[in-house]
Amino acid sequence: MNCYEHNHEDISITEESENLIVFNLRNGTISQLNSMGQIIWTNIPNKSVEEIVDLIVEKYDAERKEVQDDVQEYIDKLLENRLIFKKQ
């Protein structure tokens, strides 16, 4: 089970209309999270990747394989920008 945490000490979050703006204070990058990104961001500290995929599949009545690929790509970007880290 893959579980992640937010990198709280290095980020600032602002809500803007339908998006979340996540600013990495360490490296100065800004990430804009759409509705799917918000679901991932909001649930990542408390749910596994599989559980997050389930939430998105249910909400958008989407194909599971496509959602799995999209969620993993999103998580990879969050990891790359050091906005989240893998729980030990």
C-alpha atoms as a PDB file:
ATOM      1  CA  MET A   1       0.000   0.000   0.000  1.00  0.00           C
ATOM      2  CA  ASN A   2       1.490   3.339  -1.063  1.00  0.00           C
ATOM      3  CA  CYS A   3       0.892   6.128   1.456  1.00  0.00           C
ATOM      4  CA  TYR A   4       2.206   9.679   1.379  1.00  0.00           C
ATOM      5  CA  GLU A   5       2.374  12.794   3.552  1.00  0.00           C
ATOM      6  CA  HIS A   6       2.389  16.496   2.742  1.00  0.00           C
ATOM      7  CA  ASN A   7       5.685  18.318   3.133  1.00  0.00           C
ATOM      8  CA  HIS A   8       4.127  20.900   5.496  1.00  0.00           C
ATOM      9  CA  GLU A   9       7.168  22.928   6.435  1.00  0.00           C
ATOM     10  CA  ASP A  10       7.982  23.756   2.822  1.00  0.00           C
ATOM     11  CA  ILE A  11       4.552  24.616   1.396  1.00  0.00           C
ATOM     12  CA  SER A  12       1.880  27.276   1.415  1.00  0.00           C
ATOM     13  CA  ILE A  13      -1.627  26.667   0.036  1.00  0.00           C
ATOM     14  CA  THR A  14      -4.148  29.144  -1.352  1.00  0.00           C
ATOM     15  CA  GLU A  15      -7.630  28.426  -2.713  1.00  0.00           C
ATOM     16  CA  GLU A  16      -8.441  30.224  -5.949  1.00  0.00           C
ATOM     17  CA  SER A  17     -11.895  29.672  -7.485  1.00  0.00           C
ATOM     18  CA  GLU A  18     -11.957  25.953  -8.330  1.00  0.00           C
ATOM     19  CA  ASN A  19      -8.232  25.320  -7.890  1.00  0.00           C
ATOM     20  CA  LEU A  20      -5.700  24.981  -5.116  1.00  0.00           C
ATOM     21  CA  ILE A  21      -2.435  26.847  -5.558  1.00  0.00           C
ATOM     22  CA  VAL A  22       0.458  25.103  -3.820  1.00  0.00           C
ATOM     23  CA  PHE A  23       3.652  27.103  -3.406  1.00  0.00           C
ATOM     24  CA  ASN A  24       6.865  25.306  -2.539  1.00  0.00           C
ATOM     25  CA  LEU A  25       8.767  27.730  -0.323  1.00  0.00           C
ATOM     26  CA  ARG A  26      12.007  25.775  -0.635  1.00  0.00           C
ATOM     27  CA  ASN A  27      12.416  25.893  -4.408  1.00  0.00           C
ATOM     28  CA  GLY A  28       9.922  28.587  -5.421  1.00  0.00           C
ATOM     29  CA  THR A  29       7.752  26.361  -7.627  1.00  0.00           C
ATOM     30  CA  ILE A  30       4.016  26.902  -7.887  1.00  0.00           C
ATOM     31  CA  SER A  31       1.583  24.086  -8.655  1.00  0.00           C
ATOM     32  CA  GLN A  32      -2.046  24.615  -9.594  1.00  0.00           C
ATOM     33  CA  LEU A  33      -4.225  21.664  -8.616  1.00  0.00           C
ATOM     34  CA  ASN A  34      -7.466  21.089 -10.526  1.00  0.00           C
ATOM     35  CA  SER A  35     -10.450  19.218  -9.052  1.00  0.00           C
ATOM     36  CA  MET A  36      -8.796  15.814  -9.400  1.00  0.00           C
ATOM     37  CA  GLY A  37      -5.606  17.229  -7.909  1.00  0.00           C
ATOM     38  CA  GLN A  38      -7.603  18.592  -5.000  1.00  0.00           C
ATOM     39  CA  ILE A  39      -9.068  15.148  -4.303  1.00  0.00           C
ATOM     40  CA  ILE A  40      -5.577  13.668  -4.337  1.00  0.00           C
ATOM     41  CA  TRP A  41      -4.109  16.468  -2.205  1.00  0.00           C
ATOM     42  CA  THR A  42      -6.907  16.426   0.355  1.00  0.00           C
ATOM     43  CA  ASN A  43      -6.899  12.657   0.791  1.00  0.00           C
ATOM     44  CA  ILE A  44      -3.220  11.793   0.456  1.00  0.00           C
ATOM     45  CA  PRO A  45      -2.366  11.970   4.174  1.00  0.00           C
ATOM     46  CA  ASN A  46      -5.245   9.665   5.181  1.00  0.00           C
ATOM     47  CA  LYS A  47      -5.817   7.271   2.304  1.00  0.00           C
ATOM     48  CA  SER A  48      -3.795   4.922   0.163  1.00  0.00           C
ATOM     49  CA  VAL A  49      -3.355   5.556  -3.549  1.00  0.00           C
ATOM     50  CA  GLU A  50      -5.830   2.745  -4.225  1.00  0.00           C
ATOM     51  CA  GLU A  51      -8.455   4.399  -2.004  1.00  0.00           C
ATOM     52  CA  ILE A  52      -7.929   7.736  -3.753  1.00  0.00           C
ATOM     53  CA  VAL A  53      -8.360   6.038  -7.131  1.00  0.00           C
ATOM     54  CA  ASP A  54     -11.624   4.543  -5.841  1.00  0.00           C
ATOM     55  CA  LEU A  55     -12.877   8.010  -4.825  1.00  0.00           C
ATOM     56  CA  ILE A  56     -12.120   9.503  -8.232  1.00  0.00           C
ATOM     57  CA  VAL A  57     -13.575   6.556 -10.166  1.00  0.00           C
ATOM     58  CA  GLU A  58     -16.780   6.890  -8.156  1.00  0.00           C
ATOM     59  CA  LYS A  59     -17.003  10.684  -8.402  1.00  0.00           C
ATOM     60  CA  TYR A  60     -16.351  10.908 -12.141  1.00  0.00           C
ATOM     61  CA  ASP A  61     -17.692   7.476 -13.178  1.00  0.00           C
ATOM     62  CA  ALA A  62     -14.368   6.987 -14.947  1.00  0.00           C
ATOM     63  CA  GLU A  63     -12.424   3.966 -16.150  1.00  0.00           C
ATOM     64  CA  ARG A  64     -10.250   2.613 -13.309  1.00  0.00           C
ATOM     65  CA  LYS A  65      -7.078   1.989 -15.362  1.00  0.00           C
ATOM     66  CA  GLU A  66      -7.103   5.528 -16.769  1.00  0.00           C
ATOM     67  CA  VAL A  67      -7.668   7.008 -13.305  1.00  0.00           C
ATOM     68  CA  GLN A  68      -4.854   4.872 -11.836  1.00  0.00           C
ATOM     69  CA  ASP A  69      -2.456   6.146 -14.502  1.00  0.00           C
ATOM     70  CA  ASP A  70      -3.548   9.770 -13.994  1.00  0.00           C
ATOM     71  CA  VAL A  71      -3.305   9.562 -10.199  1.00  0.00           C
ATOM     72  CA  GLN A  72       0.150   8.000 -10.352  1.00  0.00           C
ATOM     73  CA  GLU A  73       1.332  10.685 -12.780  1.00  0.00           C
ATOM     74  CA  TYR A  74      -0.039  13.391 -10.466  1.00  0.00           C
ATOM     75  CA  ILE A  75       1.631  11.829  -7.419  1.00  0.00           C
ATOM     76  CA  ASP A  76       4.919  11.559  -9.320  1.00  0.00           C
ATOM     77  CA  LYS A  77       4.754  15.299 -10.071  1.00  0.00           C
ATOM     78  CA  LEU A  78       3.971  16.124  -6.437  1.00  0.00           C
ATOM     79  CA  LEU A  79       6.944  13.993  -5.361  1.00  0.00           C
ATOM     80  CA  GLU A  80       9.188  15.606  -7.978  1.00  0.00           C
ATOM     81  CA  ASN A  81       8.237  19.068  -6.705  1.00  0.00           C
ATOM     82  CA  ARG A  82       8.823  17.881  -3.127  1.00  0.00           C
ATOM     83  CA  LEU A  83       5.261  18.729  -2.101  1.00  0.00           C
ATOM     84  CA  ILE A  84       4.705  15.240  -0.681  1.00  0.00           C
ATOM     85  CA  PHE A  85       6.921  12.423   0.517  1.00  0.00           C
ATOM     86  CA  LYS A  86       6.430   8.688   0.931  1.00  0.00           C
ATOM     87  CA  LYS A  87       5.612   7.506   4.455  1.00  0.00           C
ATOM     88  CA  GLN A  88       8.275   5.278   5.955  1.00  0.00           C
END
